[in-house]
Structure formats: structure tokens, C-alpha cells
Amino acid sequence: MAEIKDPENTILMELKGGRVTIELLPDIAPKHCERMKELARAGAYDNVVFHRVIDGFMAQTGDVAHGNAERDFNLRRAGTGGSDLPDLPAEFSKLPHDRGTIGAARAQNPNSANSQFFINFTDNHFLNGQYTVYGRVIEGMEHVDAITRGEPPSTPDRMISVKVAADA
């Protein structure tokens, strides 16, 4: 089991294969970490699908507006929305997009991240300085590796539940 050093800044994500433990990095990207915790605590990420999963690259999820497989789900719209909260300013850092890091998905505008995020399957250093890194998988990467591929996958996997460890 992963050692959870800071339960307030640790996310527990349940996937079909098991638990993924994510260490948030509030010293690097405080606004993005707060947003993820806020949405997790509201249950907004529960049942949201991985709508864009590219082998050898990353798995993207977090569209809380259109990606919930249990509520008004439309696979064609998944990936086009966010939360009702305002977009976040970029919090770029020197931290590289290594395997297992969590990056903020966004539109072309660097200050357009909202609720969507991706988990890197491999080192994707070409993203460095262009997308905010705000967490990293510390246990359960094998479950991320098993997410069904596709853009979108015909039968997408989902985050069954997402919780802050301090609340679990």
C-alpha cells in the first residue's frame, strides 16, 4: 500500500480494476489541486468516463458536464465541457510530464483548464511548460494502464468514485 503522507492532498480514484492513489502537488499548482478536491468532495467526478485514451500517450477524463455515464450521458459530447466553476489560470512549472503525472486538460487558451485532466501513460516531455502538472500516481498505475483505449472508446471506462483521502 502507498504511504499517504498528506491525506488532505491525496486523491483516491476507484477504477474497475482497483484503486489509484494520486498525490496532489499544492506547492506546485495550488489552484488546480483545490479544484480537484472541490469537485471530488462534491461527487462531481463519480461515474465520469475516460473519453480520450491514446495508447502510449495519456488517458483523459473529468468532463463533469457531459461525461457522467449515469446522468444525461452522450459519448459524442464527452470531453467538450467542464464544471460550472470559472476556468483556472495556468500554473506552469519546471515539473516534467513524466509517466503517472496528472496534467490539466485545457483548450487552446493556457488559462482555460477547468475540471478535465489527463494521466500520462509515458514520459511526455513535449508537454512541459504548456500544461499544468498538479499531481502524480503513487499507487495503482497498472489500473490506469488497463483503461480502454479510443477517441472516444466505444465502451469507455469510468472513474467509479473519486474521493479526498482525508474524507475516506
C-alpha atoms as a PDB file:
ATOM      1  CA  MET A   1       0.000   0.000   0.000  1.00  0.00           C
ATOM      2  CA  ALA A   2       1.136   3.501  -0.798  1.00  0.00           C
ATOM      3  CA  GLU A   3       2.184   5.625   2.114  1.00  0.00           C
ATOM      4  CA  ILE A   4      -0.198   8.578   2.265  1.00  0.00           C
ATOM      5  CA  LYS A   5       1.820  11.442   3.744  1.00  0.00           C
ATOM      6  CA  ASP A   6      -0.860  14.148   3.406  1.00  0.00           C
ATOM      7  CA  PRO A   7      -4.446  12.806   3.310  1.00  0.00           C
ATOM      8  CA  GLU A   8      -5.814  16.296   2.572  1.00  0.00           C
ATOM      9  CA  ASN A   9      -3.772  16.347  -0.656  1.00  0.00           C
ATOM     10  CA  THR A  10      -4.272  12.749  -1.745  1.00  0.00           C
ATOM     11  CA  ILE A  11      -6.973  11.558  -4.155  1.00  0.00           C
ATOM     12  CA  LEU A  12      -8.375   8.021  -4.099  1.00  0.00           C
ATOM     13  CA  MET A  13      -9.786   7.116  -7.511  1.00  0.00           C
ATOM     14  CA  GLU A  14     -11.638   3.823  -7.900  1.00  0.00           C
ATOM     15  CA  LEU A  15     -11.448   2.239 -11.351  1.00  0.00           C
ATOM     16  CA  LYS A  16     -12.872  -1.111 -12.470  1.00  0.00           C
ATOM     17  CA  GLY A  17      -9.529  -2.800 -11.772  1.00  0.00           C
ATOM     18  CA  GLY A  18      -8.858  -1.209  -8.402  1.00  0.00           C
ATOM     19  CA  ARG A  19      -7.746   1.906  -6.581  1.00  0.00           C
ATOM     20  CA  VAL A  20      -5.446   4.584  -7.986  1.00  0.00           C
ATOM     21  CA  THR A  21      -3.795   6.782  -5.349  1.00  0.00           C
ATOM     22  CA  ILE A  22      -2.840  10.268  -6.518  1.00  0.00           C
ATOM     23  CA  GLU A  23      -0.578  12.630  -4.601  1.00  0.00           C
ATOM     24  CA  LEU A  24      -1.572  16.235  -5.302  1.00  0.00           C
ATOM     25  CA  LEU A  25       1.142  18.892  -5.511  1.00  0.00           C
ATOM     26  CA  PRO A  26      -0.316  22.035  -3.879  1.00  0.00           C
ATOM     27  CA  ASP A  27       3.120  23.678  -3.642  1.00  0.00           C
ATOM     28  CA  ILE A  28       3.366  23.487  -7.455  1.00  0.00           C
ATOM     29  CA  ALA A  29      -0.238  24.186  -8.556  1.00  0.00           C
ATOM     30  CA  PRO A  30      -2.442  25.205  -5.613  1.00  0.00           C
ATOM     31  CA  LYS A  31      -5.488  26.325  -7.635  1.00  0.00           C
ATOM     32  CA  HIS A  32      -5.640  23.109  -9.671  1.00  0.00           C
ATOM     33  CA  CYS A  33      -5.287  20.972  -6.537  1.00  0.00           C
ATOM     34  CA  GLU A  34      -8.064  22.897  -4.781  1.00  0.00           C
ATOM     35  CA  ARG A  35     -10.337  22.481  -7.826  1.00  0.00           C
ATOM     36  CA  MET A  36      -9.807  18.726  -7.960  1.00  0.00           C
ATOM     37  CA  LYS A  37     -10.554  18.409  -4.242  1.00  0.00           C
ATOM     38  CA  GLU A  38     -13.635  20.622  -4.529  1.00  0.00           C
ATOM     39  CA  LEU A  39     -15.071  18.568  -7.393  1.00  0.00           C
ATOM     40  CA  ALA A  40     -14.154  15.272  -5.706  1.00  0.00           C
ATOM     41  CA  ARG A  41     -15.859  16.349  -2.482  1.00  0.00           C
ATOM     42  CA  ALA A  42     -18.980  17.325  -4.452  1.00  0.00           C
ATOM     43  CA  GLY A  43     -19.044  13.859  -6.075  1.00  0.00           C
ATOM     44  CA  ALA A  44     -18.744  15.520  -9.484  1.00  0.00           C
ATOM     45  CA  TYR A  45     -16.097  13.080 -10.782  1.00  0.00           C
ATOM     46  CA  ASP A  46     -18.017   9.928  -9.799  1.00  0.00           C
ATOM     47  CA  ASN A  47     -19.041   7.900 -12.899  1.00  0.00           C
ATOM     48  CA  VAL A  48     -17.250  10.267 -15.320  1.00  0.00           C
ATOM     49  CA  VAL A  49     -15.787   8.407 -18.309  1.00  0.00           C
ATOM     50  CA  PHE A  50     -12.318   8.436 -19.828  1.00  0.00           C
ATOM     51  CA  HIS A  51     -13.331   9.994 -23.160  1.00  0.00           C
ATOM     52  CA  ARG A  52      -9.910  10.220 -24.826  1.00  0.00           C
ATOM     53  CA  VAL A  53      -7.403   7.434 -24.238  1.00  0.00           C
ATOM     54  CA  ILE A  54      -4.403   7.281 -26.555  1.00  0.00           C
ATOM     55  CA  ASP A  55      -2.057   4.303 -26.285  1.00  0.00           C
ATOM     56  CA  GLY A  56       1.487   5.376 -25.456  1.00  0.00           C
ATOM     57  CA  PHE A  57       0.309   8.881 -24.542  1.00  0.00           C
ATOM     58  CA  MET A  58      -2.405   9.534 -21.936  1.00  0.00           C
ATOM     59  CA  ALA A  59      -5.921   8.908 -20.569  1.00  0.00           C
ATOM     60  CA  GLN A  60      -8.186  11.979 -20.356  1.00  0.00           C
ATOM     61  CA  THR A  61     -11.284  12.351 -18.176  1.00  0.00           C
ATOM     62  CA  GLY A  62     -13.031  14.862 -15.935  1.00  0.00           C
ATOM     63  CA  ASP A  63     -15.800  16.311 -18.112  1.00  0.00           C
ATOM     64  CA  VAL A  64     -18.268  16.693 -15.252  1.00  0.00           C
ATOM     65  CA  ALA A  65     -20.849  18.385 -17.541  1.00  0.00           C
ATOM     66  CA  HIS A  66     -21.138  15.727 -20.274  1.00  0.00           C
ATOM     67  CA  GLY A  67     -19.059  12.746 -19.167  1.00  0.00           C
ATOM     68  CA  ASN A  68     -21.142  11.258 -16.346  1.00  0.00           C
ATOM     69  CA  ALA A  69     -22.190   7.800 -17.568  1.00  0.00           C
ATOM     70  CA  GLU A  70     -25.140   7.819 -15.137  1.00  0.00           C
ATOM     71  CA  ARG A  71     -26.576  11.272 -15.930  1.00  0.00           C
ATOM     72  CA  ASP A  72     -27.561  12.636 -19.375  1.00  0.00           C
ATOM     73  CA  PHE A  73     -24.598  10.839 -20.955  1.00  0.00           C
ATOM     74  CA  ASN A  74     -23.757  11.495 -24.586  1.00  0.00           C
ATOM     75  CA  LEU A  75     -20.459   9.975 -25.718  1.00  0.00           C
ATOM     76  CA  ARG A  76     -20.160  12.476 -28.597  1.00  0.00           C
ATOM     77  CA  ARG A  77     -20.299  15.431 -26.172  1.00  0.00           C
ATOM     78  CA  ALA A  78     -17.993  13.901 -23.553  1.00  0.00           C
ATOM     79  CA  GLY A  79     -14.817  15.967 -23.494  1.00  0.00           C
ATOM     80  CA  THR A  80     -16.475  19.221 -24.538  1.00  0.00           C
ATOM     81  CA  GLY A  81     -17.441  20.526 -21.104  1.00  0.00           C
ATOM     82  CA  GLY A  82     -16.277  21.345 -17.634  1.00  0.00           C
ATOM     83  CA  SER A  83     -17.770  22.403 -14.329  1.00  0.00           C
ATOM     84  CA  ASP A  84     -19.871  25.468 -13.535  1.00  0.00           C
ATOM     85  CA  LEU A  85     -16.830  26.947 -11.777  1.00  0.00           C
ATOM     86  CA  PRO A  86     -14.611  29.545 -13.507  1.00  0.00           C
ATOM     87  CA  ASP A  87     -11.651  28.417 -15.598  1.00  0.00           C
ATOM     88  CA  LEU A  88      -8.275  28.314 -13.869  1.00  0.00           C
ATOM     89  CA  PRO A  89      -5.135  30.292 -14.709  1.00  0.00           C
ATOM     90  CA  ALA A  90      -2.199  28.205 -15.885  1.00  0.00           C
ATOM     91  CA  GLU A  91       0.204  27.131 -13.122  1.00  0.00           C
ATOM     92  CA  PHE A  92       3.114  26.016 -15.274  1.00  0.00           C
ATOM     93  CA  SER A  93       6.216  24.729 -13.520  1.00  0.00           C
ATOM     94  CA  LYS A  94       9.511  23.002 -14.216  1.00  0.00           C
ATOM     95  CA  LEU A  95       7.946  19.673 -13.183  1.00  0.00           C
ATOM     96  CA  PRO A  96       8.083  17.371 -16.220  1.00  0.00           C
ATOM     97  CA  HIS A  97       5.167  15.407 -17.656  1.00  0.00           C
ATOM     98  CA  ASP A  98       6.537  12.026 -16.597  1.00  0.00           C
ATOM     99  CA  ARG A  99       4.696   8.701 -16.562  1.00  0.00           C
ATOM    100  CA  GLY A 100       1.938   8.844 -13.953  1.00  0.00           C
ATOM    101  CA  THR A 101       1.760  12.618 -13.638  1.00  0.00           C
ATOM    102  CA  ILE A 102      -1.620  14.368 -13.704  1.00  0.00           C
ATOM    103  CA  GLY A 103      -1.970  17.227 -16.157  1.00  0.00           C
ATOM    104  CA  ALA A 104      -4.727  19.805 -16.512  1.00  0.00           C
ATOM    105  CA  ALA A 105      -6.552  19.452 -19.817  1.00  0.00           C
ATOM    106  CA  ARG A 106      -7.446  22.735 -21.469  1.00  0.00           C
ATOM    107  CA  ALA A 107      -8.476  24.389 -24.714  1.00  0.00           C
ATOM    108  CA  GLN A 108      -6.045  26.442 -26.805  1.00  0.00           C
ATOM    109  CA  ASN A 109      -6.036  29.235 -24.213  1.00  0.00           C
ATOM    110  CA  PRO A 110      -3.493  28.305 -21.479  1.00  0.00           C
ATOM    111  CA  ASN A 111      -5.887  29.756 -18.868  1.00  0.00           C
ATOM    112  CA  SER A 112      -8.856  27.550 -19.824  1.00  0.00           C
ATOM    113  CA  ALA A 113      -8.375  24.494 -17.577  1.00  0.00           C
ATOM    114  CA  ASN A 114     -11.485  23.660 -15.568  1.00  0.00           C
ATOM    115  CA  SER A 115     -12.351  20.109 -14.488  1.00  0.00           C
ATOM    116  CA  GLN A 116     -10.753  17.860 -17.116  1.00  0.00           C
ATOM    117  CA  PHE A 117      -7.396  16.209 -16.565  1.00  0.00           C
ATOM    118  CA  PHE A 118      -5.192  13.513 -18.005  1.00  0.00           C
ATOM    119  CA  ILE A 119      -2.856  10.856 -16.652  1.00  0.00           C
ATOM    120  CA  ASN A 120       0.327  10.294 -18.655  1.00  0.00           C
ATOM    121  CA  PHE A 121       0.985   6.689 -19.704  1.00  0.00           C
ATOM    122  CA  THR A 122       4.590   7.547 -20.534  1.00  0.00           C
ATOM    123  CA  ASP A 123       7.049  10.441 -20.251  1.00  0.00           C
ATOM    124  CA  ASN A 124       5.514  13.172 -22.438  1.00  0.00           C
ATOM    125  CA  HIS A 125       8.109  15.909 -22.097  1.00  0.00           C
ATOM    126  CA  PHE A 126       6.879  17.706 -25.226  1.00  0.00           C
ATOM    127  CA  LEU A 127       4.012  18.907 -22.958  1.00  0.00           C
ATOM    128  CA  ASN A 128       6.405  20.506 -20.440  1.00  0.00           C
ATOM    129  CA  GLY A 129       5.687  24.177 -19.806  1.00  0.00           C
ATOM    130  CA  GLN A 130       2.435  24.003 -21.796  1.00  0.00           C
ATOM    131  CA  TYR A 131       0.102  22.135 -19.434  1.00  0.00           C
ATOM    132  CA  THR A 132      -0.132  22.370 -15.650  1.00  0.00           C
ATOM    133  CA  VAL A 133       1.157  19.335 -13.736  1.00  0.00           C
ATOM    134  CA  TYR A 134      -0.588  19.096 -10.365  1.00  0.00           C
ATOM    135  CA  GLY A 135      -0.344  15.515  -9.181  1.00  0.00           C
ATOM    136  CA  ARG A 136       1.168  12.084  -9.667  1.00  0.00           C
ATOM    137  CA  VAL A 137       0.019   8.498  -9.303  1.00  0.00           C
ATOM    138  CA  ILE A 138       1.821   6.919  -6.344  1.00  0.00           C
ATOM    139  CA  GLU A 139       0.000   3.574  -6.485  1.00  0.00           C
ATOM    140  CA  GLY A 140      -2.259   1.767  -8.925  1.00  0.00           C
ATOM    141  CA  MET A 141      -0.737   2.833 -12.237  1.00  0.00           C
ATOM    142  CA  GLU A 142      -1.434  -0.706 -13.501  1.00  0.00           C
ATOM    143  CA  HIS A 143      -5.169   0.161 -13.303  1.00  0.00           C
ATOM    144  CA  VAL A 144      -4.597   3.318 -15.354  1.00  0.00           C
ATOM    145  CA  ASP A 145      -2.640   1.266 -17.908  1.00  0.00           C
ATOM    146  CA  ALA A 146      -5.697  -1.023 -18.275  1.00  0.00           C
ATOM    147  CA  ILE A 147      -8.134   1.779 -19.260  1.00  0.00           C
ATOM    148  CA  THR A 148      -9.862   1.042 -22.595  1.00  0.00           C
ATOM    149  CA  ARG A 149      -8.281   2.953 -25.490  1.00  0.00           C
ATOM    150  CA  GLY A 150     -10.081   5.127 -28.037  1.00  0.00           C
ATOM    151  CA  GLU A 151     -11.003   8.692 -29.028  1.00  0.00           C
ATOM    152  CA  PRO A 152     -13.604   8.054 -27.672  1.00  0.00           C
ATOM    153  CA  PRO A 153     -13.549   4.400 -26.660  1.00  0.00           C
ATOM    154  CA  SER A 154     -16.679   2.599 -27.901  1.00  0.00           C
ATOM    155  CA  THR A 155     -17.317   1.385 -24.335  1.00  0.00           C
ATOM    156  CA  PRO A 156     -15.426   3.851 -22.144  1.00  0.00           C
ATOM    157  CA  ASP A 157     -14.172   3.055 -18.672  1.00  0.00           C
ATOM    158  CA  ARG A 158     -15.154   5.421 -15.888  1.00  0.00           C
ATOM    159  CA  MET A 159     -13.979   6.733 -12.561  1.00  0.00           C
ATOM    160  CA  ILE A 160     -16.328   4.830 -10.263  1.00  0.00           C
ATOM    161  CA  SER A 161     -15.569   7.201  -7.408  1.00  0.00           C
ATOM    162  CA  VAL A 162     -13.080   9.961  -6.621  1.00  0.00           C
ATOM    163  CA  LYS A 163     -12.505  10.996  -3.017  1.00  0.00           C
ATOM    164  CA  VAL A 164     -10.062  13.051  -0.964  1.00  0.00           C
ATOM    165  CA  ALA A 165      -8.234  10.596   1.305  1.00  0.00           C
ATOM    166  CA  ALA A 166      -8.891  12.801   4.366  1.00  0.00           C
ATOM    167  CA  ASP A 167     -12.625  12.194   3.830  1.00  0.00           C
ATOM    168  CA  ALA A 168     -12.468   8.465   3.079  1.00  0.00           C
END
